[in-house]
Amino acid sequence: MIGKRTEALKIMMAIWIYLNQPLFRLETALNPIKFSLVYRQKLLERCFTKQDKTEEQRLFLERCWQRSCKIL
């Protein structure tokens, strides 16, 4: 039962994002299939960027931890 709700929510969210895209821009896709492909590509890019920033933050914390251990 929970799986059906989650699937329905995903579909409704995708429809909502498609219907709320700006109309008079070059990146506007009126074809739902094309919109889906472009949206997935942009989502993947955002996730990759976020993951990259997270890795940078982790490395920064590692360096800070190593420096604090040397001081003690």
Foldseek 3Di string as FASTA:
>chain_A
DVVVVVVVVVVVVLVVVLVPDDDPDPPNDPDSVVVVVVVVVVVVVVVVVVVVVVVVVVVVVVVVVVVVVVVD
